[in-house]
Each structure stands twice: as structure tokens, then as C-alpha cells.
Amino acid sequence: MAQKPNEKTRIDRRFADLKAQGRAAFVTFITAGDPDYETSRDILFGLADAGADVIELGMPFSDPMADGPAIQAASIRALSGGQNMVKTLQMVAEFRANDDETPVVLMGYYNPIYIYGVERFVEDAKLAGVDGLIVVDVPPEADDELCLPAMAKGLNFIRLATPTTDAKRLPRVLENTSGFLYYVSITGITGSATPDPTAVHDQVAAIRKSTDLPVAVGFGVKTPEQAKAIAAGADGVVVGSALVNAITQTIDQDGRATGKTVPAVLDMVKSLSAPLK
């Protein structure tokens, strides 16, 4: 069933609630199925209690070109463990059975969606309890491909803006964007550099002149101090590579989870989200 024009999504409600509280959202990213289905599900189930306000769940893909080595490795581990789109949507459905409030955004690339079938994907994603999509390689010029079908099902379509998105390009990026805008704080791949809070705040302020959408900032946030600094001038802070690295550092030499894997990720979420509370 299509979403009514004024119907609020979980993402809309969450950002509105946090704005009323006077704080930024803490947004977490993990790759579905990394390093295996059960461990990934256990992490997913624990994220909200650990401090995640919005959850981005990566759809594993063999060629994640915008991602750095950490998230590339996570995709490879997940795919090697048999993760696929059916299992990713199943994981969301299992999460949704226990948590009807925390927004879940699927993030990744168009190829796995195209192979699954766009119409089937948006239908199944909505049924599973997905709230939004971030698909980094589908530009606004191709909105007919995925954005418009997703919107028709009531899914938020979240776009990325970068330091190179100029005033001429920004309106096109914002045109069918909903839920929030994801501002990439650095040029380059994920996890590759540390953002400059002052520069980020200036860019977010400039973007806000063109939209009422919340602006969440990601790429490069690794410490509670960085999270707090970015949050001072943004509506949300996204952390991904740091959490994926926590998985990488706790798996064994064969790439299998250990007893430290789930606690390491959730403890990091607690630590990074604390300054935003």
C-alpha cells in the first residue's frame, strides 16, 4: 500500500522526537551477515539498546566501490558466509518482530536490487519492515529505476551529498529525497580520513538553506569526541567503519566470530553514542 503524502515514517518520527529532545541522532552501520548470519543478527538486535537511534544495514555486494577496505572486507565475509538479499530482508523482519520503533535503512548498491527485481524488492522490503533506502550508485537522473517505485511503497529514499555537491547540483539531489539527507563529510572512500567539524558545520548550514530535511553526517567518525563535535552542527552522526573494524579485530584467523565480537561492537556503540545523549 502506498504511503499517503502526509503520512510520517519511522524515520520522520525518530528525527522529530530527537529534535524535540534537542539532540542529534546516532546512526549505526553494519553489513548484514558479517561475519555470519547469527552474529550479525545478534549485533542488530542489540544496537538500539546500546544507543543506536537509526540503523543502516548494508546489503553485501562484491564490488562496493565507495567503501574503504573495512566495509569491503565485511561484504566479502558476508557473501562468503552465504548472505543474500532474501536473508537480509529476513533479518530485518526478525528485528522488526521485536522492535517496531527503531528505523532501519538498507544501504548499498543497485546491482543486488536489480538482480532481485525492483518491484519484488520494494514490496518485500516494505513487508519486512524496512523504512528507507540509501543506494549510492543510483543518481537522481535515474529516479524511475528505483527511487519512484520505492516512494510509491512508502519507503524513504535517502540521498548523499558531498563536499563537491555545489549549489547547482544540490536541488537535483534533494528533489525526491526524504527521511534525511546523508552528508558525506570527506571526499574519498569510507573510513579513509577524519572530518573537520568546522568545515562540516559550514556545509550543513549551507545545505539547510535549501531543505527542511534532517542532515546526518557520516564517513570518518571513530571516537566519542568526534561524534560529539560533529553532532553540535548536524541532525545526526553516522558511524560505520569503526563498528565494522570492531568485528574485524575480534574474529579469528579463519574469519569466524568469537565471544568478543558482539560485545565489542555494542560496547563501541555505547561509547560513541554517549556524548549525544
C-alpha atoms as a PDB file:
ATOM      1  CA  MET A   1       0.000   0.000   0.000  1.00  0.00           C
ATOM      2  CA  ALA A   2       1.424   3.378  -0.945  1.00  0.00           C
ATOM      3  CA  GLN A   3       2.265   5.887   1.732  1.00  0.00           C
ATOM      4  CA  LYS A   4      -0.055   8.889   1.940  1.00  0.00           C
ATOM      5  CA  PRO A   5       1.686  12.221   1.215  1.00  0.00           C
ATOM      6  CA  ASN A   6       1.475  13.421   4.836  1.00  0.00           C
ATOM      7  CA  GLU A   7       1.990  10.047   6.493  1.00  0.00           C
ATOM      8  CA  LYS A   8       5.023  10.023   8.749  1.00  0.00           C
ATOM      9  CA  THR A   9       7.554   7.205   8.519  1.00  0.00           C
ATOM     10  CA  ARG A  10       9.542   5.790  11.435  1.00  0.00           C
ATOM     11  CA  ILE A  11      12.478   7.882  10.205  1.00  0.00           C
ATOM     12  CA  ASP A  12      10.391  11.070  10.216  1.00  0.00           C
ATOM     13  CA  ARG A  13       9.095  10.336  13.710  1.00  0.00           C
ATOM     14  CA  ARG A  14      12.510   9.469  15.111  1.00  0.00           C
ATOM     15  CA  PHE A  15      14.205  12.645  13.873  1.00  0.00           C
ATOM     16  CA  ALA A  16      11.241  14.752  15.053  1.00  0.00           C
ATOM     17  CA  ASP A  17      11.403  13.168  18.517  1.00  0.00           C
ATOM     18  CA  LEU A  18      15.161  13.760  18.766  1.00  0.00           C
ATOM     19  CA  LYS A  19      14.789  17.354  17.590  1.00  0.00           C
ATOM     20  CA  ALA A  20      12.266  17.889  20.391  1.00  0.00           C
ATOM     21  CA  GLN A  21      14.831  16.461  22.809  1.00  0.00           C
ATOM     22  CA  GLY A  22      17.429  18.861  21.433  1.00  0.00           C
ATOM     23  CA  ARG A  23      19.925  16.260  20.291  1.00  0.00           C
ATOM     24  CA  ALA A  24      21.308  14.617  17.185  1.00  0.00           C
ATOM     25  CA  ALA A  25      20.574  11.046  16.115  1.00  0.00           C
ATOM     26  CA  PHE A  26      23.223   8.372  16.473  1.00  0.00           C
ATOM     27  CA  VAL A  27      23.122   6.309  13.285  1.00  0.00           C
ATOM     28  CA  THR A  28      24.956   2.985  13.076  1.00  0.00           C
ATOM     29  CA  PHE A  29      26.020   0.931  10.057  1.00  0.00           C
ATOM     30  CA  ILE A  30      26.796  -2.775   9.936  1.00  0.00           C
ATOM     31  CA  THR A  31      26.851  -5.174   6.996  1.00  0.00           C
ATOM     32  CA  ALA A  32      24.113  -7.824   7.051  1.00  0.00           C
ATOM     33  CA  GLY A  33      25.630 -11.265   7.519  1.00  0.00           C
ATOM     34  CA  ASP A  34      29.048 -10.078   8.719  1.00  0.00           C
ATOM     35  CA  PRO A  35      30.806 -12.276   9.771  1.00  0.00           C
ATOM     36  CA  ASP A  36      27.863 -14.722   9.755  1.00  0.00           C
ATOM     37  CA  TYR A  37      24.081 -14.531   9.918  1.00  0.00           C
ATOM     38  CA  GLU A  38      23.654 -15.341  13.609  1.00  0.00           C
ATOM     39  CA  THR A  39      26.359 -12.954  14.846  1.00  0.00           C
ATOM     40  CA  SER A  40      25.139 -10.168  12.587  1.00  0.00           C
ATOM     41  CA  ARG A  41      21.575 -10.688  13.823  1.00  0.00           C
ATOM     42  CA  ASP A  42      22.728 -10.610  17.460  1.00  0.00           C
ATOM     43  CA  ILE A  43      24.510  -7.302  16.820  1.00  0.00           C
ATOM     44  CA  LEU A  44      21.462  -5.900  15.003  1.00  0.00           C
ATOM     45  CA  PHE A  45      19.165  -6.908  17.874  1.00  0.00           C
ATOM     46  CA  GLY A  46      21.427  -5.150  20.401  1.00  0.00           C
ATOM     47  CA  LEU A  47      22.064  -1.867  18.573  1.00  0.00           C
ATOM     48  CA  ALA A  48      19.041   0.106  19.791  1.00  0.00           C
ATOM     49  CA  ASP A  49      19.609  -0.730  23.458  1.00  0.00           C
ATOM     50  CA  ALA A  50      23.287   0.173  23.017  1.00  0.00           C
ATOM     51  CA  GLY A  51      22.391   3.647  21.755  1.00  0.00           C
ATOM     52  CA  ALA A  52      21.538   3.492  18.046  1.00  0.00           C
ATOM     53  CA  ASP A  53      18.661   5.794  17.060  1.00  0.00           C
ATOM     54  CA  VAL A  54      18.657   4.762  13.388  1.00  0.00           C
ATOM     55  CA  ILE A  55      20.179   1.601  11.917  1.00  0.00           C
ATOM     56  CA  GLU A  56      21.738   1.324   8.470  1.00  0.00           C
ATOM     57  CA  LEU A  57      22.067  -2.286   7.350  1.00  0.00           C
ATOM     58  CA  GLY A  58      24.449  -2.899   4.497  1.00  0.00           C
ATOM     59  CA  MET A  59      23.361  -5.105   1.598  1.00  0.00           C
ATOM     60  CA  PRO A  60      26.524  -7.103   0.805  1.00  0.00           C
ATOM     61  CA  PHE A  61      27.918  -6.593  -2.685  1.00  0.00           C
ATOM     62  CA  SER A  62      31.070  -7.912  -4.342  1.00  0.00           C
ATOM     63  CA  ASP A  63      32.188  -4.512  -5.670  1.00  0.00           C
ATOM     64  CA  PRO A  64      31.385  -1.798  -3.066  1.00  0.00           C
ATOM     65  CA  MET A  65      33.292   0.965  -4.849  1.00  0.00           C
ATOM     66  CA  ALA A  66      32.500   3.826  -2.435  1.00  0.00           C
ATOM     67  CA  ASP A  67      33.644   1.837   0.583  1.00  0.00           C
ATOM     68  CA  GLY A  68      37.054   1.506   2.143  1.00  0.00           C
ATOM     69  CA  PRO A  69      38.888  -1.740   2.994  1.00  0.00           C
ATOM     70  CA  ALA A  70      36.961  -2.376   6.238  1.00  0.00           C
ATOM     71  CA  ILE A  71      33.492  -2.415   4.673  1.00  0.00           C
ATOM     72  CA  GLN A  72      34.771  -4.145   1.524  1.00  0.00           C
ATOM     73  CA  ALA A  73      36.083  -6.948   3.739  1.00  0.00           C
ATOM     74  CA  ALA A  74      32.770  -7.077   5.603  1.00  0.00           C
ATOM     75  CA  SER A  75      30.891  -7.601   2.331  1.00  0.00           C
ATOM     76  CA  ILE A  76      33.264 -10.377   1.320  1.00  0.00           C
ATOM     77  CA  ARG A  77      32.867 -12.109   4.695  1.00  0.00           C
ATOM     78  CA  ALA A  78      29.079 -11.859   4.483  1.00  0.00           C
ATOM     79  CA  LEU A  79      28.880 -13.138   0.910  1.00  0.00           C
ATOM     80  CA  SER A  80      31.306 -15.959   1.718  1.00  0.00           C
ATOM     81  CA  GLY A  81      29.007 -16.934   4.567  1.00  0.00           C
ATOM     82  CA  GLY A  82      26.045 -17.214   2.208  1.00  0.00           C
ATOM     83  CA  GLN A  83      24.345 -13.877   2.887  1.00  0.00           C
ATOM     84  CA  ASN A  84      21.970 -12.764   0.140  1.00  0.00           C
ATOM     85  CA  MET A  85      19.052 -10.381  -0.273  1.00  0.00           C
ATOM     86  CA  VAL A  86      16.483 -12.906   0.938  1.00  0.00           C
ATOM     87  CA  LYS A  87      18.436 -13.390   4.170  1.00  0.00           C
ATOM     88  CA  THR A  88      18.971  -9.645   4.595  1.00  0.00           C
ATOM     89  CA  LEU A  89      15.233  -8.962   4.357  1.00  0.00           C
ATOM     90  CA  GLN A  90      14.573 -11.925   6.654  1.00  0.00           C
ATOM     91  CA  MET A  91      16.959 -10.376   9.203  1.00  0.00           C
ATOM     92  CA  VAL A  92      15.021  -7.095   9.095  1.00  0.00           C
ATOM     93  CA  ALA A  93      11.731  -8.960   9.556  1.00  0.00           C
ATOM     94  CA  GLU A  94      13.141 -10.784  12.598  1.00  0.00           C
ATOM     95  CA  PHE A  95      14.351  -7.476  14.038  1.00  0.00           C
ATOM     96  CA  ARG A  96      11.005  -5.826  13.371  1.00  0.00           C
ATOM     97  CA  ALA A  97       9.158  -8.576  15.269  1.00  0.00           C
ATOM     98  CA  ASN A  98      10.926  -7.358  18.429  1.00  0.00           C
ATOM     99  CA  ASP A  99      11.310  -3.617  17.700  1.00  0.00           C
ATOM    100  CA  ASP A 100       8.583  -1.637  15.991  1.00  0.00           C
ATOM    101  CA  GLU A 101      10.127   1.790  16.620  1.00  0.00           C
ATOM    102  CA  THR A 102      13.773   1.906  15.525  1.00  0.00           C
ATOM    103  CA  PRO A 103      14.132   2.913  11.854  1.00  0.00           C
ATOM    104  CA  VAL A 104      16.027   0.517   9.586  1.00  0.00           C
ATOM    105  CA  VAL A 105      17.611   1.749   6.351  1.00  0.00           C
ATOM    106  CA  LEU A 106      19.070  -0.638   3.780  1.00  0.00           C
ATOM    107  CA  MET A 107      22.271   0.766   2.317  1.00  0.00           C
ATOM    108  CA  GLY A 108      24.304  -0.399  -0.619  1.00  0.00           C
ATOM    109  CA  TYR A 109      24.408  -0.639  -4.393  1.00  0.00           C
ATOM    110  CA  TYR A 110      21.875  -1.126  -7.159  1.00  0.00           C
ATOM    111  CA  ASN A 111      23.192  -4.386  -8.622  1.00  0.00           C
ATOM    112  CA  PRO A 112      21.818  -6.765  -5.934  1.00  0.00           C
ATOM    113  CA  ILE A 113      18.453  -4.961  -6.061  1.00  0.00           C
ATOM    114  CA  TYR A 114      18.338  -5.148  -9.863  1.00  0.00           C
ATOM    115  CA  ILE A 115      19.099  -8.866  -9.775  1.00  0.00           C
ATOM    116  CA  TYR A 116      16.428  -9.445  -7.105  1.00  0.00           C
ATOM    117  CA  GLY A 117      13.936  -7.424  -9.172  1.00  0.00           C
ATOM    118  CA  VAL A 118      12.982  -3.856  -8.289  1.00  0.00           C
ATOM    119  CA  GLU A 119       9.223  -4.395  -7.941  1.00  0.00           C
ATOM    120  CA  ARG A 120       9.729  -7.521  -5.840  1.00  0.00           C
ATOM    121  CA  PHE A 121      12.434  -5.791  -3.775  1.00  0.00           C
ATOM    122  CA  VAL A 122      10.422  -2.719  -2.782  1.00  0.00           C
ATOM    123  CA  GLU A 123       7.406  -4.902  -1.983  1.00  0.00           C
ATOM    124  CA  ASP A 124       9.423  -7.348   0.132  1.00  0.00           C
ATOM    125  CA  ALA A 125      11.433  -4.590   1.814  1.00  0.00           C
ATOM    126  CA  LYS A 126       8.243  -2.820   2.912  1.00  0.00           C
ATOM    127  CA  LEU A 127       6.728  -6.076   4.168  1.00  0.00           C
ATOM    128  CA  ALA A 128       9.911  -6.870   6.128  1.00  0.00           C
ATOM    129  CA  GLY A 129       9.751  -3.528   7.916  1.00  0.00           C
ATOM    130  CA  VAL A 130      12.412  -1.557   6.055  1.00  0.00           C
ATOM    131  CA  ASP A 131      11.917   2.207   6.347  1.00  0.00           C
ATOM    132  CA  GLY A 132      14.333   3.664   3.812  1.00  0.00           C
ATOM    133  CA  LEU A 133      16.985   3.055   1.178  1.00  0.00           C
ATOM    134  CA  ILE A 134      20.407   4.535   0.522  1.00  0.00           C
ATOM    135  CA  VAL A 135      21.623   3.313  -2.863  1.00  0.00           C
ATOM    136  CA  VAL A 136      24.850   5.114  -3.606  1.00  0.00           C
ATOM    137  CA  ASP A 137      25.164   4.421  -7.330  1.00  0.00           C
ATOM    138  CA  VAL A 138      21.663   5.448  -8.475  1.00  0.00           C
ATOM    139  CA  PRO A 139      21.765   9.162  -9.378  1.00  0.00           C
ATOM    140  CA  PRO A 140      18.706  11.443  -9.427  1.00  0.00           C
ATOM    141  CA  GLU A 141      18.660  11.176 -13.234  1.00  0.00           C
ATOM    142  CA  ALA A 142      17.649   7.526 -12.798  1.00  0.00           C
ATOM    143  CA  ASP A 143      14.811   8.079 -10.309  1.00  0.00           C
ATOM    144  CA  ASP A 144      12.453   5.970 -12.442  1.00  0.00           C
ATOM    145  CA  GLU A 145      14.666   2.924 -11.822  1.00  0.00           C
ATOM    146  CA  LEU A 146      14.266   2.657  -8.042  1.00  0.00           C
ATOM    147  CA  CYS A 147      13.524   5.924  -6.254  1.00  0.00           C
ATOM    148  CA  LEU A 148       9.976   6.420  -7.534  1.00  0.00           C
ATOM    149  CA  PRO A 149       8.926   2.762  -7.068  1.00  0.00           C
ATOM    150  CA  ALA A 150      10.343   2.898  -3.519  1.00  0.00           C
ATOM    151  CA  MET A 151       8.492   6.122  -2.759  1.00  0.00           C
ATOM    152  CA  ALA A 152       5.256   4.601  -4.068  1.00  0.00           C
ATOM    153  CA  LYS A 153       5.598   1.873  -1.424  1.00  0.00           C
ATOM    154  CA  GLY A 154       6.151   4.391   1.345  1.00  0.00           C
ATOM    155  CA  LEU A 155       9.913   3.902   1.653  1.00  0.00           C
ATOM    156  CA  ASN A 156      12.109   6.939   2.276  1.00  0.00           C
ATOM    157  CA  PHE A 157      14.736   7.388  -0.434  1.00  0.00           C
ATOM    158  CA  ILE A 158      17.805   8.933   1.184  1.00  0.00           C
ATOM    159  CA  ARG A 159      20.456  10.580  -0.948  1.00  0.00           C
ATOM    160  CA  LEU A 160      24.054  11.519  -0.344  1.00  0.00           C
ATOM    161  CA  ALA A 161      25.556  14.989  -0.656  1.00  0.00           C
ATOM    162  CA  THR A 162      29.309  15.545  -0.564  1.00  0.00           C
ATOM    163  CA  PRO A 163      31.758  18.438  -0.232  1.00  0.00           C
ATOM    164  CA  THR A 164      31.717  18.596  -4.046  1.00  0.00           C
ATOM    165  CA  THR A 165      27.904  18.909  -4.309  1.00  0.00           C
ATOM    166  CA  ASP A 166      27.583  22.531  -5.398  1.00  0.00           C
ATOM    167  CA  ALA A 167      24.600  24.903  -5.267  1.00  0.00           C
ATOM    168  CA  LYS A 168      23.649  23.990  -8.830  1.00  0.00           C
ATOM    169  CA  ARG A 169      23.586  20.252  -8.151  1.00  0.00           C
ATOM    170  CA  LEU A 170      22.032  20.273  -4.672  1.00  0.00           C
ATOM    171  CA  PRO A 171      18.406  20.956  -5.735  1.00  0.00           C
ATOM    172  CA  ARG A 172      18.521  17.922  -8.035  1.00  0.00           C
ATOM    173  CA  VAL A 173      19.883  15.768  -5.210  1.00  0.00           C
ATOM    174  CA  LEU A 174      17.137  16.964  -2.866  1.00  0.00           C
ATOM    175  CA  GLU A 175      14.296  16.626  -5.371  1.00  0.00           C
ATOM    176  CA  ASN A 176      12.931  13.217  -4.323  1.00  0.00           C
ATOM    177  CA  THR A 177      14.936  12.769  -1.142  1.00  0.00           C
ATOM    178  CA  SER A 178      13.013  12.046   2.051  1.00  0.00           C
ATOM    179  CA  GLY A 179      13.692  10.892   5.604  1.00  0.00           C
ATOM    180  CA  PHE A 180      17.048  12.612   5.865  1.00  0.00           C
ATOM    181  CA  LEU A 181      19.965  13.729   3.744  1.00  0.00           C
ATOM    182  CA  TYR A 182      23.239  11.871   4.284  1.00  0.00           C
ATOM    183  CA  TYR A 183      26.136  14.323   4.120  1.00  0.00           C
ATOM    184  CA  VAL A 184      29.470  12.667   3.332  1.00  0.00           C
ATOM    185  CA  SER A 185      31.932  14.692   5.387  1.00  0.00           C
ATOM    186  CA  ILE A 186      35.045  13.908   3.359  1.00  0.00           C
ATOM    187  CA  THR A 187      35.948  13.265  -0.251  1.00  0.00           C
ATOM    188  CA  GLY A 188      37.051   9.689  -0.849  1.00  0.00           C
ATOM    189  CA  ILE A 189      36.057   6.252   0.420  1.00  0.00           C
ATOM    190  CA  THR A 190      34.575   5.330   3.789  1.00  0.00           C
ATOM    191  CA  GLY A 191      36.896   5.239   6.777  1.00  0.00           C
ATOM    192  CA  SER A 192      39.730   6.944   4.906  1.00  0.00           C
ATOM    193  CA  ALA A 193      40.097  10.274   6.740  1.00  0.00           C
ATOM    194  CA  THR A 194      38.953  12.324   9.713  1.00  0.00           C
ATOM    195  CA  PRO A 195      36.324  15.032   9.164  1.00  0.00           C
ATOM    196  CA  ASP A 196      36.907  18.674  10.135  1.00  0.00           C
ATOM    197  CA  PRO A 197      33.913  19.650  12.329  1.00  0.00           C
ATOM    198  CA  THR A 198      34.070  23.363  11.440  1.00  0.00           C
ATOM    199  CA  ALA A 199      34.038  22.664   7.696  1.00  0.00           C
ATOM    200  CA  VAL A 200      31.255  20.107   8.160  1.00  0.00           C
ATOM    201  CA  HIS A 201      29.117  22.535  10.163  1.00  0.00           C
ATOM    202  CA  ASP A 202      29.542  25.191   7.481  1.00  0.00           C
ATOM    203  CA  GLN A 203      28.456  22.750   4.769  1.00  0.00           C
ATOM    204  CA  VAL A 204      25.456  21.533   6.789  1.00  0.00           C
ATOM    205  CA  ALA A 205      24.390  25.150   7.420  1.00  0.00           C
ATOM    206  CA  ALA A 206      24.573  25.829   3.675  1.00  0.00           C
ATOM    207  CA  ILE A 207      22.501  22.708   2.892  1.00  0.00           C
ATOM    208  CA  ARG A 208      19.854  23.705   5.451  1.00  0.00           C
ATOM    209  CA  LYS A 209      19.154  26.849   3.429  1.00  0.00           C
ATOM    210  CA  SER A 210      17.749  24.564   0.725  1.00  0.00           C
ATOM    211  CA  THR A 211      15.867  21.928   2.723  1.00  0.00           C
ATOM    212  CA  ASP A 212      13.999  21.217   5.959  1.00  0.00           C
ATOM    213  CA  LEU A 213      15.218  17.611   5.900  1.00  0.00           C
ATOM    214  CA  PRO A 214      17.424  16.450   8.772  1.00  0.00           C
ATOM    215  CA  VAL A 215      21.090  16.244   7.765  1.00  0.00           C
ATOM    216  CA  ALA A 216      23.085  13.282   9.088  1.00  0.00           C
ATOM    217  CA  VAL A 217      26.864  13.343   8.727  1.00  0.00           C
ATOM    218  CA  GLY A 218      28.974  10.269   8.090  1.00  0.00           C
ATOM    219  CA  PHE A 219      32.397   8.975   6.976  1.00  0.00           C
ATOM    220  CA  GLY A 220      35.395   9.088   9.284  1.00  0.00           C
ATOM    221  CA  VAL A 221      33.838   9.331  12.767  1.00  0.00           C
ATOM    222  CA  LYS A 222      35.755   6.996  15.071  1.00  0.00           C
ATOM    223  CA  THR A 223      35.786   8.495  18.588  1.00  0.00           C
ATOM    224  CA  PRO A 224      33.224   9.856  21.093  1.00  0.00           C
ATOM    225  CA  GLU A 225      34.932  13.250  20.834  1.00  0.00           C
ATOM    226  CA  GLN A 226      34.496  13.329  17.046  1.00  0.00           C
ATOM    227  CA  ALA A 227      30.865  12.210  17.360  1.00  0.00           C
ATOM    228  CA  LYS A 228      30.137  14.997  19.859  1.00  0.00           C
ATOM    229  CA  ALA A 229      31.899  17.613  17.733  1.00  0.00           C
ATOM    230  CA  ILE A 230      30.041  16.654  14.538  1.00  0.00           C
ATOM    231  CA  ALA A 231      26.696  16.409  16.367  1.00  0.00           C
ATOM    232  CA  ALA A 232      26.990  20.023  17.510  1.00  0.00           C
ATOM    233  CA  GLY A 233      26.150  21.165  13.978  1.00  0.00           C
ATOM    234  CA  ALA A 234      24.183  18.265  12.490  1.00  0.00           C
ATOM    235  CA  ASP A 235      20.940  16.369  12.964  1.00  0.00           C
ATOM    236  CA  GLY A 236      22.658  13.007  13.040  1.00  0.00           C
ATOM    237  CA  VAL A 237      26.065  11.322  13.207  1.00  0.00           C
ATOM    238  CA  VAL A 238      26.707   8.134  11.235  1.00  0.00           C
ATOM    239  CA  VAL A 239      29.319   5.585  12.324  1.00  0.00           C
ATOM    240  CA  GLY A 240      30.122   2.576  10.156  1.00  0.00           C
ATOM    241  CA  SER A 241      33.773   1.702   9.530  1.00  0.00           C
ATOM    242  CA  ALA A 242      34.633   1.921  13.239  1.00  0.00           C
ATOM    243  CA  LEU A 243      31.951  -0.668  14.062  1.00  0.00           C
ATOM    244  CA  VAL A 244      32.965  -2.914  11.191  1.00  0.00           C
ATOM    245  CA  ASN A 245      36.573  -2.668  12.404  1.00  0.00           C
ATOM    246  CA  ALA A 246      35.419  -3.854  15.828  1.00  0.00           C
ATOM    247  CA  ILE A 247      34.158  -7.001  14.112  1.00  0.00           C
ATOM    248  CA  THR A 248      37.366  -7.389  12.116  1.00  0.00           C
ATOM    249  CA  GLN A 249      39.507  -7.123  15.247  1.00  0.00           C
ATOM    250  CA  THR A 250      37.600  -9.809  17.150  1.00  0.00           C
ATOM    251  CA  ILE A 251      37.118 -12.573  14.589  1.00  0.00           C
ATOM    252  CA  ASP A 252      39.553 -15.480  14.482  1.00  0.00           C
ATOM    253  CA  GLN A 253      42.124 -16.157  11.770  1.00  0.00           C
ATOM    254  CA  ASP A 254      39.528 -18.089   9.772  1.00  0.00           C
ATOM    255  CA  GLY A 255      37.155 -15.129   9.819  1.00  0.00           C
ATOM    256  CA  ARG A 256      34.769 -16.635  12.353  1.00  0.00           C
ATOM    257  CA  ALA A 257      33.141 -14.768  15.201  1.00  0.00           C
ATOM    258  CA  THR A 258      34.449 -15.171  18.724  1.00  0.00           C
ATOM    259  CA  GLY A 259      32.868 -14.495  22.096  1.00  0.00           C
ATOM    260  CA  LYS A 260      34.268 -10.960  21.883  1.00  0.00           C
ATOM    261  CA  THR A 261      32.645  -9.975  18.584  1.00  0.00           C
ATOM    262  CA  VAL A 262      29.125  -8.945  19.598  1.00  0.00           C
ATOM    263  CA  PRO A 263      30.162  -7.223  22.869  1.00  0.00           C
ATOM    264  CA  ALA A 264      32.955  -5.292  21.099  1.00  0.00           C
ATOM    265  CA  VAL A 265      30.515  -3.734  18.616  1.00  0.00           C
ATOM    266  CA  LEU A 266      27.789  -2.960  21.149  1.00  0.00           C
ATOM    267  CA  ASP A 267      30.279  -1.524  23.654  1.00  0.00           C
ATOM    268  CA  MET A 268      31.600   0.777  20.935  1.00  0.00           C
ATOM    269  CA  VAL A 269      28.064   1.923  20.123  1.00  0.00           C
ATOM    270  CA  LYS A 270      27.522   2.717  23.816  1.00  0.00           C
ATOM    271  CA  SER A 271      30.774   4.665  23.951  1.00  0.00           C
ATOM    272  CA  LEU A 272      30.260   6.628  20.735  1.00  0.00           C
ATOM    273  CA  SER A 273      26.598   7.436  21.357  1.00  0.00           C
ATOM    274  CA  ALA A 274      27.023   8.530  24.979  1.00  0.00           C
ATOM    275  CA  PRO A 275      28.101  12.126  24.221  1.00  0.00           C
ATOM    276  CA  LEU A 276      24.949  12.633  22.100  1.00  0.00           C
ATOM    277  CA  LYS A 277      22.585  11.635  24.882  1.00  0.00           C
END
